[in-house]
Amino acid sequence: MLRERVSDNIYVFTSDLYAQVTAGAIVTPEGTVLVDSLPFPSETREMASFIPRVSPEGVRYVILTHYHADHAYGSYLFPEADLISHQLCRRLLQERGYPALQEAKAQEPLLEDVELRLPDVTFEGQEMALQLDKQLIQLIWAPGHTRDLVMVYVEQDKVLFASDTMMPVPSIVDGNLAPFRRSLERIKELEIDNLVQGHGEVVLVGEVSQAVRASLEYLDSIEKKVSDAIQSGNGKDALREDSIESTGLSRLPLHGQVQQIHTANLLTLYERRADA
């Protein structure tokens, strides 16, 4: 697991075991706030063993950005902390999380010890704020990748944990284009020195605007590709052959998994438009 320090009080952890998924620690004199917790217990335990070295008060809150397993599974290893999420996240964990975990355990022995934990504190609507000492932490509802996703903005340090609203390639398989675009536009309203993607490398201040613009242009591109495929009658076969480079993005990030995400996006959008 990679650990890096992005400000005096904020650390980012990046998984070596699954798709460079990230988690974060916001350290304050009143305790640490974790943003997600990684999927595999071995890496989450590395996080848990590191926190006391920088935070004598320990973990006070864990913010769950959305219900997907790679962000949610590690939270059970912080039983002393309150788990916070959007209300939709709690509902989706109840409806989908339990059966998904049982299926995952049957396929992946490393998940054998995982226990699904439901949030203790939830909020409705657009935003929620936490104040610890002088640190103001905003939870911003940002649907698009999923219905329940929240981004976490640390105002004093100008750090945004964008979760899967920002990735090397957007993923819409469990989401929708219109809210995704609105959530990306919301990022433009924030003053950001470091943007932590849900997967992949931290985006630095000079690169944030371009990264957001590239994501918006990508969503426009796949929408046009699917419309063209439907009108031409070429259907799914043409979309399966489409290269992510044709959208202006690289296939290199996430160890090449971005091409798989791209193909899944196209086929998902095609099925939705064809059905409509």
Protein backbone atom coordinates (compact mmCIF):
# COMPACT_ATOMS: atom_id res chain seq x y z
CA MET A 1 0.00 0.00 0.00
CA LEU A 2 1.28 3.46 -0.92
CA ARG A 3 1.02 6.21 1.70
CA GLU A 4 1.61 9.85 0.87
CA ARG A 5 1.21 13.13 2.71
CA VAL A 6 -0.70 15.77 0.76
CA SER A 7 -0.75 18.47 3.46
CA ASP A 8 0.50 18.88 7.04
CA ASN A 9 -2.50 16.99 8.41
CA ILE A 10 -3.79 14.83 5.55
CA TYR A 11 -2.59 11.44 4.33
CA VAL A 12 -3.69 9.40 1.33
CA PHE A 13 -3.49 5.60 1.14
CA THR A 14 -3.55 3.84 -2.23
CA SER A 15 -4.21 0.11 -2.55
CA ASP A 16 -1.75 -2.21 -4.25
CA LEU A 17 -4.33 -4.98 -4.26
CA TYR A 18 -7.29 -3.45 -6.09
CA ALA A 19 -7.38 -0.86 -8.88
CA GLN A 20 -5.38 1.77 -6.96
CA VAL A 21 -8.45 2.60 -4.87
CA THR A 22 -7.75 5.36 -2.35
CA ALA A 23 -8.61 6.25 1.23
CA GLY A 24 -7.59 9.22 3.36
CA ALA A 25 -6.88 10.35 6.91
CA ILE A 26 -7.60 13.90 8.08
CA VAL A 27 -5.75 14.39 11.37
CA THR A 28 -6.99 16.93 13.94
CA PRO A 29 -6.30 17.50 17.66
CA GLU A 30 -9.78 16.11 18.35
CA GLY A 31 -9.20 12.87 16.46
CA THR A 32 -8.80 11.59 12.92
CA VAL A 33 -11.44 11.47 10.21
CA LEU A 34 -11.00 8.67 7.69
CA VAL A 35 -12.38 8.95 4.19
CA ASP A 36 -13.19 5.38 3.11
CA SER A 37 -11.17 2.40 4.27
CA LEU A 38 -9.97 0.21 1.34
CA PRO A 39 -11.47 -3.20 0.49
CA PHE A 40 -8.99 -5.76 1.82
CA PRO A 41 -8.44 -6.16 5.59
CA SER A 42 -4.67 -6.53 5.25
CA GLU A 43 -4.30 -3.01 3.84
CA THR A 44 -6.92 -1.51 6.14
CA ARG A 45 -4.98 -2.88 9.11
CA GLU A 46 -1.90 -1.10 7.77
CA MET A 47 -3.93 2.13 7.87
CA ALA A 48 -5.13 1.35 11.39
CA SER A 49 -1.60 0.71 12.65
CA PHE A 50 -0.33 3.97 11.14
CA ILE A 51 -2.98 6.30 12.61
CA PRO A 52 -1.76 6.18 16.27
CA ARG A 53 1.65 7.41 15.10
CA VAL A 54 0.16 10.72 13.97
CA SER A 55 -3.07 10.90 15.99
CA PRO A 56 -3.00 10.03 19.71
CA GLU A 57 -6.77 10.60 19.83
CA GLY A 58 -7.32 7.82 17.32
CA VAL A 59 -10.06 7.57 14.68
CA ARG A 60 -13.19 9.52 15.57
CA TYR A 61 -15.17 9.30 12.33
CA VAL A 62 -15.11 7.25 9.15
CA ILE A 63 -16.82 8.86 6.17
CA LEU A 64 -18.16 6.40 3.65
CA THR A 65 -18.22 8.08 0.24
CA HIS A 66 -20.50 5.47 -1.35
CA TYR A 67 -21.65 1.91 -0.95
CA HIS A 68 -19.31 0.14 -3.39
CA ALA A 69 -17.28 -2.64 -1.82
CA ASP A 70 -13.84 -1.23 -2.61
CA HIS A 71 -14.65 1.84 -0.52
CA ALA A 72 -16.85 0.33 2.20
CA TYR A 73 -15.49 -3.01 3.33
CA GLY A 74 -12.74 -1.82 5.68
CA SER A 75 -14.96 0.28 7.95
CA TYR A 76 -15.70 -2.61 10.33
CA LEU A 77 -12.08 -2.46 11.51
CA PHE A 78 -12.74 0.92 13.18
CA PRO A 79 -15.53 0.01 15.64
CA GLU A 80 -14.66 2.91 17.94
CA ALA A 81 -15.47 5.46 15.23
CA ASP A 82 -18.85 6.71 14.06
CA LEU A 83 -19.52 5.79 10.43
CA ILE A 84 -21.03 8.64 8.39
CA SER A 85 -22.64 8.55 4.94
CA HIS A 86 -25.47 9.88 2.84
CA GLN A 87 -28.81 8.28 3.70
CA LEU A 88 -28.91 6.70 0.24
CA CYS A 89 -25.65 4.90 1.01
CA ARG A 90 -27.14 3.21 4.07
CA ARG A 91 -30.14 2.09 2.03
CA LEU A 92 -27.99 0.70 -0.78
CA LEU A 93 -25.77 -1.18 1.67
CA GLN A 94 -28.86 -2.81 3.15
CA GLU A 95 -30.36 -3.67 -0.24
CA ARG A 96 -27.25 -4.65 -2.19
CA GLY A 97 -24.32 -4.79 0.21
CA TYR A 98 -25.17 -7.94 2.12
CA PRO A 99 -25.78 -10.25 -0.87
CA ALA A 100 -22.80 -8.76 -2.71
CA LEU A 101 -20.49 -9.46 0.24
CA GLN A 102 -21.54 -13.10 0.45
CA GLU A 103 -20.89 -13.52 -3.24
CA ALA A 104 -17.52 -11.77 -2.96
CA LYS A 105 -16.45 -13.97 -0.06
CA ALA A 106 -17.17 -17.06 -2.12
CA GLN A 107 -14.78 -15.81 -4.81
CA GLU A 108 -12.06 -14.04 -2.79
CA PRO A 109 -10.52 -15.67 0.32
CA LEU A 110 -8.91 -12.36 1.35
CA LEU A 111 -12.41 -11.08 2.20
CA GLU A 112 -13.29 -13.95 4.51
CA ASP A 113 -13.14 -11.84 7.70
CA VAL A 114 -15.01 -8.80 6.34
CA GLU A 115 -18.18 -7.75 8.15
CA LEU A 116 -20.53 -5.29 6.50
CA ARG A 117 -21.08 -2.26 8.68
CA LEU A 118 -24.00 0.14 8.30
CA PRO A 119 -23.52 3.88 8.90
CA ASP A 120 -24.32 5.25 12.36
CA VAL A 121 -24.92 8.83 11.14
CA THR A 122 -26.54 9.76 7.83
CA PHE A 123 -27.70 12.97 6.18
CA GLU A 124 -30.19 13.90 3.50
CA GLY A 125 -29.95 16.63 0.92
CA GLN A 126 -26.91 18.38 -0.49
CA GLU A 127 -24.36 18.84 2.29
CA MET A 128 -23.27 18.07 5.84
CA ALA A 129 -20.38 19.61 7.79
CA LEU A 130 -18.06 18.37 10.52
CA GLN A 131 -16.08 20.78 12.68
CA LEU A 132 -13.11 19.35 14.58
CA ASP A 133 -10.94 21.95 16.26
CA LYS A 134 -10.27 24.50 13.46
CA GLN A 135 -10.81 22.01 10.67
CA LEU A 136 -14.07 22.32 8.71
CA ILE A 137 -14.89 19.21 6.67
CA GLN A 138 -17.73 19.39 4.15
CA LEU A 139 -19.58 16.34 2.85
CA ILE A 140 -20.99 17.21 -0.57
CA TRP A 141 -23.58 14.96 -2.21
CA ALA A 142 -22.31 14.31 -5.74
CA PRO A 143 -24.42 11.67 -7.54
CA GLY A 144 -23.37 10.44 -10.94
CA HIS A 145 -21.00 7.53 -10.43
CA THR A 146 -23.60 6.24 -7.96
CA ARG A 147 -26.76 7.77 -6.50
CA ASP A 148 -25.29 8.02 -2.99
CA LEU A 149 -21.78 9.34 -3.57
CA VAL A 150 -20.38 12.15 -1.46
CA MET A 151 -17.19 14.12 -1.93
CA VAL A 152 -15.26 15.35 1.10
CA TYR A 153 -13.76 18.85 1.07
CA VAL A 154 -11.27 19.93 3.72
CA GLU A 155 -11.61 23.68 3.63
CA GLN A 156 -8.50 24.76 5.55
CA ASP A 157 -6.14 22.54 3.54
CA LYS A 158 -8.00 22.96 0.24
CA VAL A 159 -8.02 19.20 -0.30
CA LEU A 160 -10.91 17.47 -2.05
CA PHE A 161 -11.53 13.75 -1.70
CA ALA A 162 -13.60 13.45 -4.87
CA SER A 163 -14.10 9.69 -4.55
CA ASP A 164 -15.17 8.10 -7.83
CA THR A 165 -16.53 11.36 -9.22
CA MET A 166 -12.92 11.73 -10.33
CA MET A 167 -11.03 8.77 -11.77
CA PRO A 168 -8.63 8.40 -14.71
CA VAL A 169 -11.80 7.54 -16.66
CA PRO A 170 -15.35 8.20 -15.38
CA SER A 171 -17.48 5.12 -14.70
CA ILE A 172 -21.24 5.36 -15.30
CA VAL A 173 -22.22 1.68 -15.08
CA ASP A 174 -23.97 2.24 -11.74
CA GLY A 175 -24.80 5.90 -12.39
CA ASN A 176 -26.14 8.46 -14.86
CA LEU A 177 -24.70 11.09 -17.17
CA ALA A 178 -26.70 14.18 -16.20
CA PRO A 179 -26.00 14.09 -12.44
CA PHE A 180 -22.41 13.10 -13.17
CA ARG A 181 -21.92 16.26 -15.20
CA ARG A 182 -23.46 18.40 -12.46
CA SER A 183 -21.14 16.86 -9.86
CA LEU A 184 -18.09 17.52 -12.02
CA GLU A 185 -19.21 21.13 -12.44
CA ARG A 186 -19.50 21.37 -8.64
CA ILE A 187 -15.78 20.64 -8.36
CA LYS A 188 -15.06 23.80 -10.35
CA GLU A 189 -16.65 25.89 -7.58
CA LEU A 190 -14.13 24.73 -4.95
CA GLU A 191 -10.67 26.10 -4.28
CA ILE A 192 -8.45 23.02 -4.52
CA ASP A 193 -4.74 22.48 -3.95
CA ASN A 194 -4.91 18.67 -4.08
CA LEU A 195 -7.67 16.48 -5.49
CA VAL A 196 -7.72 12.86 -4.34
CA GLN A 197 -9.30 10.63 -6.95
CA GLY A 198 -11.29 7.56 -5.96
CA HIS A 199 -8.74 5.53 -7.93
CA GLY A 200 -5.32 6.57 -9.13
CA GLU A 201 -2.89 9.37 -8.45
CA VAL A 202 -3.52 12.63 -6.60
CA VAL A 203 -4.27 15.52 -8.97
CA LEU A 204 -2.27 18.65 -8.14
CA VAL A 205 -3.53 22.21 -8.19
CA GLY A 206 -2.32 23.09 -11.67
CA GLU A 207 -3.92 19.98 -13.16
CA VAL A 208 -7.38 20.04 -11.54
CA SER A 209 -9.18 22.16 -14.13
CA GLN A 210 -7.83 20.10 -17.02
CA ALA A 211 -8.72 16.82 -15.30
CA VAL A 212 -12.32 17.95 -14.72
CA ARG A 213 -12.59 19.21 -18.28
CA ALA A 214 -11.25 15.89 -19.60
CA SER A 215 -13.89 13.97 -17.63
CA LEU A 216 -16.68 16.18 -18.98
CA GLU A 217 -15.40 15.82 -22.54
CA TYR A 218 -15.20 12.05 -22.07
CA LEU A 219 -18.87 11.88 -21.04
CA ASP A 220 -19.79 13.92 -24.13
CA SER A 221 -17.69 11.61 -26.29
CA ILE A 222 -19.24 8.33 -25.15
CA GLU A 223 -22.73 9.77 -25.46
CA LYS A 224 -22.03 10.67 -29.10
CA LYS A 225 -20.40 7.29 -29.81
CA VAL A 226 -23.46 5.44 -28.53
CA SER A 227 -25.86 7.67 -30.48
CA ASP A 228 -23.83 7.08 -33.65
CA ALA A 229 -23.80 3.31 -33.05
CA ILE A 230 -27.58 3.22 -32.65
CA GLN A 231 -28.24 5.38 -35.73
CA SER A 232 -25.80 3.48 -37.93
CA GLY A 233 -27.08 0.09 -36.83
CA ASN A 234 -23.55 -1.10 -36.00
CA GLY A 235 -24.63 -1.77 -32.41
CA LYS A 236 -22.52 -3.31 -29.70
CA ASP A 237 -19.89 -4.86 -31.93
CA ALA A 238 -18.52 -1.47 -32.96
CA LEU A 239 -18.56 -0.23 -29.38
CA ARG A 240 -16.65 -3.27 -28.13
CA GLU A 241 -13.85 -2.41 -30.54
CA ASP A 242 -13.69 1.25 -29.57
CA SER A 243 -10.41 2.41 -28.05
CA ILE A 244 -10.34 4.77 -25.08
CA GLU A 245 -7.63 6.77 -26.86
CA SER A 246 -10.31 7.91 -29.32
CA THR A 247 -11.85 9.94 -26.47
CA GLY A 248 -8.59 11.72 -25.68
CA LEU A 249 -7.79 9.64 -22.59
CA SER A 250 -4.89 7.22 -22.08
CA ARG A 251 -5.22 3.49 -21.49
CA LEU A 252 -2.19 3.42 -19.19
CA PRO A 253 -3.67 4.42 -15.77
CA LEU A 254 -4.93 1.80 -13.31
CA HIS A 255 -2.65 -0.80 -14.89
CA GLY A 256 -4.68 -0.76 -18.09
CA GLN A 257 -8.09 -1.26 -16.47
CA VAL A 258 -9.38 2.01 -17.93
CA GLN A 259 -10.06 0.28 -21.27
CA GLN A 260 -12.35 -2.20 -19.51
CA ILE A 261 -14.17 0.66 -17.79
CA HIS A 262 -14.55 2.45 -21.12
CA THR A 263 -16.03 -0.59 -22.83
CA ALA A 264 -18.43 -1.18 -19.94
CA ASN A 265 -19.53 2.46 -20.12
CA LEU A 266 -20.32 2.22 -23.82
CA LEU A 267 -22.25 -1.04 -23.56
CA THR A 268 -24.21 0.13 -20.53
CA LEU A 269 -25.17 3.40 -22.20
CA TYR A 270 -26.07 1.57 -25.41
CA GLU A 271 -28.42 -0.80 -23.59
CA ARG A 272 -30.13 2.09 -21.82
CA ARG A 273 -30.59 4.12 -25.01
CA ALA A 274 -31.68 1.09 -27.06
CA ASP A 275 -34.26 0.15 -24.45
CA ALA A 276 -35.54 3.73 -24.35
